Structures are given as structure tokens and as C-alpha cells.
């Protein structure tokens, strides 16, 4: 079983948090949550426990750094789901 301080990378292998900056971990968490929600900023912000304004500000900052951001969804598609066990 994977330890809670590990996250999975795109290749599916755990990436340790130790040795990474808080900003780097936060950026990855935000971007992966946004991807999980199909670009729906409102749902991603709710999952992350931050305001939509904070999420938008962070995404603008990442975009200014050249980071690729999942495009915003504007439809009424399926809501993203969160595993309550985590």
C-alpha cells in the first residue's frame, strides 16, 4: 500500500514529496485536480478547499510561467467525483 506522503506521477509511479518545494507540490495538486475535473474551475476549487478567485489567480500565475493549463469547461457535463476515502 502506498504511503500518504506519496503522489502518483503521469507514469503512475509514486513521487516523494520530500525534497520538493511547497509551491511545486501545490502547483501539481492544483493542475491535477483541474485535469480530474475536466477543466471545471468551480468544482476544482471546491475540491481543493480554496475560492474560485484564488484558483484563477494561481492559474494565471502558472500560465505566465509557461505552464500548460487544462482549458476551462463551459458545459454542464458530468461533475467530477472525489473518492471520499482520501
N, C-alpha and C. Protein backbone atom coordinates (compact mmCIF):
# COMPACT_ATOMS: atom_id res chain seq x y z
N UNK A 1 0.84 -1.19 0.00
CA UNK A 1 0.00 0.00 0.00
C UNK A 1 0.88 1.24 0.00
N UNK A 2 0.48 2.24 -0.74
CA UNK A 2 1.24 3.48 -0.87
C UNK A 2 1.11 4.32 0.38
N UNK A 3 2.19 4.96 0.80
CA UNK A 3 2.17 5.87 1.95
C UNK A 3 1.45 7.15 1.55
N UNK A 4 0.85 7.84 2.51
CA UNK A 4 0.07 9.05 2.23
C UNK A 4 0.93 10.21 1.75
N UNK A 5 2.23 10.19 2.01
CA UNK A 5 3.07 11.30 1.59
C UNK A 5 3.55 11.14 0.15
N UNK A 6 3.11 10.08 -0.53
CA UNK A 6 3.47 9.88 -1.92
C UNK A 6 2.31 10.28 -2.82
N UNK A 7 2.65 10.77 -4.00
CA UNK A 7 1.65 11.07 -5.01
C UNK A 7 2.03 10.30 -6.25
N UNK A 8 1.13 10.16 -7.19
CA UNK A 8 1.44 9.48 -8.43
C UNK A 8 1.73 10.49 -9.53
N UNK A 9 2.72 10.16 -10.33
CA UNK A 9 3.04 11.00 -11.48
C UNK A 9 2.25 10.48 -12.66
N UNK A 10 2.39 11.14 -13.82
CA UNK A 10 1.68 10.71 -15.02
C UNK A 10 2.02 9.27 -15.39
N UNK A 11 3.21 8.80 -15.04
CA UNK A 11 3.60 7.43 -15.36
C UNK A 11 3.02 6.43 -14.36
N UNK A 12 2.35 6.92 -13.32
CA UNK A 12 1.73 6.04 -12.34
C UNK A 12 2.65 5.63 -11.21
N UNK A 13 3.89 6.13 -11.22
CA UNK A 13 4.82 5.80 -10.14
C UNK A 13 4.76 6.88 -9.07
N UNK A 14 4.90 6.49 -7.81
CA UNK A 14 4.84 7.50 -6.74
C UNK A 14 6.02 8.46 -6.81
N UNK A 15 5.75 9.73 -6.54
CA UNK A 15 6.79 10.75 -6.47
C UNK A 15 6.84 11.25 -5.04
N UNK A 16 7.95 11.09 -4.36
CA UNK A 16 8.01 11.52 -2.96
C UNK A 16 7.87 13.03 -2.83
N UNK A 17 7.26 13.44 -1.75
CA UNK A 17 7.09 14.87 -1.50
C UNK A 17 8.34 15.49 -0.89
N UNK A 18 9.09 14.70 -0.16
CA UNK A 18 10.30 15.20 0.49
C UNK A 18 11.28 15.64 -0.59
N UNK A 19 11.82 16.83 -0.43
CA UNK A 19 12.77 17.37 -1.39
C UNK A 19 12.14 18.30 -2.42
N UNK A 20 10.82 18.41 -2.38
CA UNK A 20 10.11 19.31 -3.29
C UNK A 20 9.64 20.53 -2.52
N UNK A 21 9.54 21.64 -3.21
CA UNK A 21 9.05 22.85 -2.55
C UNK A 21 7.54 22.78 -2.39
N UNK A 22 7.02 23.52 -1.43
CA UNK A 22 5.58 23.59 -1.22
C UNK A 22 4.90 24.14 -2.47
N UNK A 23 5.50 25.14 -3.09
CA UNK A 23 4.94 25.74 -4.30
C UNK A 23 4.84 24.71 -5.42
N UNK A 24 5.84 23.86 -5.57
CA UNK A 24 5.83 22.83 -6.60
C UNK A 24 4.74 21.80 -6.34
N UNK A 25 4.61 21.37 -5.10
CA UNK A 25 3.59 20.39 -4.74
C UNK A 25 2.20 20.99 -4.91
N UNK A 26 2.04 22.25 -4.49
CA UNK A 26 0.76 22.92 -4.64
C UNK A 26 0.37 23.05 -6.11
N UNK A 27 1.33 23.45 -6.94
CA UNK A 27 1.06 23.60 -8.38
C UNK A 27 0.62 22.26 -8.98
N UNK A 28 1.32 21.19 -8.65
CA UNK A 28 0.95 19.88 -9.18
C UNK A 28 -0.44 19.45 -8.70
N UNK A 29 -0.73 19.68 -7.42
CA UNK A 29 -2.05 19.33 -6.88
C UNK A 29 -3.16 20.10 -7.58
N UNK A 30 -2.96 21.38 -7.78
CA UNK A 30 -3.96 22.22 -8.44
C UNK A 30 -4.16 21.77 -9.88
N UNK A 31 -3.09 21.56 -10.62
CA UNK A 31 -3.20 21.20 -12.02
C UNK A 31 -3.81 19.81 -12.20
N UNK A 32 -3.45 18.86 -11.35
CA UNK A 32 -4.01 17.52 -11.45
C UNK A 32 -5.48 17.51 -11.06
N UNK A 33 -5.86 18.30 -10.07
CA UNK A 33 -7.27 18.40 -9.69
C UNK A 33 -8.08 19.02 -10.81
N UNK A 34 -7.55 20.06 -11.42
CA UNK A 34 -8.22 20.71 -12.54
C UNK A 34 -8.40 19.73 -13.69
N UNK A 35 -7.38 18.95 -13.98
CA UNK A 35 -7.46 17.95 -15.04
C UNK A 35 -8.53 16.91 -14.70
N UNK A 36 -8.55 16.47 -13.45
CA UNK A 36 -9.53 15.48 -12.98
C UNK A 36 -10.95 16.00 -13.18
N UNK A 37 -11.13 17.30 -13.03
CA UNK A 37 -12.46 17.93 -13.16
C UNK A 37 -12.75 18.38 -14.58
N UNK A 38 -11.94 17.97 -15.53
CA UNK A 38 -12.18 18.31 -16.93
C UNK A 38 -12.12 19.80 -17.20
N UNK A 39 -11.35 20.53 -16.40
CA UNK A 39 -11.20 21.98 -16.60
C UNK A 39 -12.22 22.81 -15.85
N UNK A 40 -13.12 22.17 -15.11
CA UNK A 40 -14.16 22.91 -14.38
C UNK A 40 -13.54 23.56 -13.15
N UNK A 41 -13.33 24.86 -13.22
CA UNK A 41 -12.65 25.60 -12.15
C UNK A 41 -13.45 25.61 -10.85
N UNK A 42 -14.77 25.72 -10.94
CA UNK A 42 -15.59 25.77 -9.73
C UNK A 42 -15.48 24.47 -8.94
N UNK A 43 -15.59 23.35 -9.63
CA UNK A 43 -15.50 22.07 -8.94
C UNK A 43 -14.09 21.83 -8.41
N UNK A 44 -13.09 22.19 -9.18
CA UNK A 44 -11.71 22.03 -8.73
C UNK A 44 -11.46 22.86 -7.47
N UNK A 45 -11.92 24.10 -7.46
CA UNK A 45 -11.74 24.96 -6.29
C UNK A 45 -12.43 24.37 -5.06
N UNK A 46 -13.64 23.82 -5.26
CA UNK A 46 -14.35 23.19 -4.15
C UNK A 46 -13.60 22.00 -3.59
N UNK A 47 -13.07 21.16 -4.46
CA UNK A 47 -12.30 20.00 -4.01
C UNK A 47 -11.06 20.45 -3.25
N UNK A 48 -10.39 21.48 -3.76
CA UNK A 48 -9.15 21.97 -3.14
C UNK A 48 -9.40 22.77 -1.87
N UNK A 49 -10.64 23.21 -1.66
CA UNK A 49 -10.95 23.99 -0.47
C UNK A 49 -10.46 25.42 -0.55
N UNK A 50 -10.41 25.95 -1.78
CA UNK A 50 -9.99 27.33 -1.99
C UNK A 50 -11.08 28.05 -2.78
N UNK A 51 -11.02 29.37 -2.78
CA UNK A 51 -12.01 30.13 -3.54
C UNK A 51 -11.69 30.05 -5.03
N UNK A 52 -12.71 30.27 -5.83
CA UNK A 52 -12.51 30.29 -7.28
C UNK A 52 -11.57 31.43 -7.66
N UNK A 53 -11.62 32.53 -6.93
CA UNK A 53 -10.71 33.66 -7.19
C UNK A 53 -9.25 33.26 -6.95
N UNK A 54 -9.01 32.55 -5.85
CA UNK A 54 -7.65 32.09 -5.55
C UNK A 54 -7.17 31.14 -6.63
N UNK A 55 -8.05 30.21 -7.04
CA UNK A 55 -7.67 29.27 -8.09
C UNK A 55 -7.34 30.01 -9.38
N UNK A 56 -8.18 30.94 -9.78
CA UNK A 56 -7.93 31.70 -11.01
C UNK A 56 -6.61 32.47 -10.92
N UNK A 57 -6.35 33.10 -9.78
CA UNK A 57 -5.10 33.85 -9.62
C UNK A 57 -3.89 32.94 -9.75
N UNK A 58 -3.97 31.76 -9.14
CA UNK A 58 -2.85 30.81 -9.23
C UNK A 58 -2.67 30.33 -10.66
N UNK A 59 -3.77 30.03 -11.35
CA UNK A 59 -3.69 29.56 -12.73
C UNK A 59 -3.11 30.63 -13.64
N UNK A 60 -3.48 31.90 -13.42
CA UNK A 60 -2.90 33.00 -14.22
C UNK A 60 -1.39 33.07 -13.99
N UNK A 61 -0.98 32.90 -12.74
CA UNK A 61 0.45 32.90 -12.43
C UNK A 61 1.19 31.76 -13.11
N UNK A 62 0.59 30.56 -13.08
CA UNK A 62 1.21 29.41 -13.74
C UNK A 62 1.30 29.64 -15.25
N UNK A 63 0.24 30.18 -15.83
CA UNK A 63 0.24 30.46 -17.28
C UNK A 63 1.33 31.46 -17.63
N UNK A 64 1.52 32.46 -16.78
CA UNK A 64 2.58 33.45 -17.01
C UNK A 64 3.97 32.81 -16.97
N UNK A 65 4.09 31.69 -16.22
CA UNK A 65 5.35 30.95 -16.14
C UNK A 65 5.51 29.98 -17.31
N UNK A 66 4.48 29.88 -18.16
CA UNK A 66 4.55 28.99 -19.32
C UNK A 66 4.01 27.59 -19.07
N UNK A 67 3.34 27.39 -17.94
CA UNK A 67 2.78 26.08 -17.61
C UNK A 67 1.50 25.89 -18.40
N UNK A 68 1.32 24.69 -18.99
CA UNK A 68 0.10 24.39 -19.74
C UNK A 68 -1.05 24.14 -18.77
N UNK A 69 -2.17 24.82 -18.99
CA UNK A 69 -3.33 24.75 -18.11
C UNK A 69 -4.47 24.05 -18.86
N UNK A 70 -5.17 23.13 -18.18
CA UNK A 70 -6.35 22.49 -18.77
C UNK A 70 -7.37 23.57 -19.11
N UNK A 71 -7.87 23.59 -20.34
CA UNK A 71 -8.85 24.61 -20.73
C UNK A 71 -10.11 24.53 -19.86
N UNK A 72 -10.71 25.68 -19.63
CA UNK A 72 -11.94 25.75 -18.82
C UNK A 72 -13.07 25.06 -19.55
N UNK A 73 -13.88 24.33 -18.78
CA UNK A 73 -15.08 23.72 -19.37
C UNK A 73 -16.24 24.67 -19.14
N UNK A 74 -17.08 24.81 -20.13
CA UNK A 74 -18.20 25.73 -20.02
C UNK A 74 -19.54 25.02 -20.13
N UNK A 75 -19.50 23.70 -20.31
CA UNK A 75 -20.73 22.94 -20.46
C UNK A 75 -21.25 22.45 -19.12
N UNK A 76 -22.34 21.73 -19.18
CA UNK A 76 -22.94 21.15 -17.99
C UNK A 76 -22.64 19.66 -17.96
N UNK A 77 -21.42 19.29 -18.28
CA UNK A 77 -21.03 17.88 -18.32
C UNK A 77 -21.05 17.26 -16.93
N UNK A 78 -20.64 16.02 -16.89
CA UNK A 78 -20.64 15.27 -15.64
C UNK A 78 -19.72 15.95 -14.62
N UNK A 79 -20.20 16.03 -13.39
CA UNK A 79 -19.42 16.63 -12.32
C UNK A 79 -18.25 15.72 -11.98
N UNK A 80 -17.14 16.31 -11.60
CA UNK A 80 -16.01 15.48 -11.20
C UNK A 80 -16.31 14.86 -9.84
N UNK A 81 -15.74 13.72 -9.62
CA UNK A 81 -16.03 12.98 -8.40
C UNK A 81 -14.76 12.86 -7.59
N UNK A 82 -14.93 12.79 -6.27
CA UNK A 82 -13.81 12.65 -5.36
C UNK A 82 -14.04 11.41 -4.53
N UNK A 83 -13.01 10.60 -4.38
CA UNK A 83 -13.08 9.41 -3.55
C UNK A 83 -13.11 9.85 -2.10
N UNK A 84 -14.21 9.59 -1.42
CA UNK A 84 -14.38 10.04 -0.03
C UNK A 84 -13.40 9.39 0.92
N UNK A 85 -12.74 8.33 0.51
CA UNK A 85 -11.78 7.64 1.39
C UNK A 85 -10.49 8.42 1.56
N UNK A 86 -10.25 9.41 0.68
CA UNK A 86 -8.99 10.17 0.78
C UNK A 86 -9.12 11.37 1.63
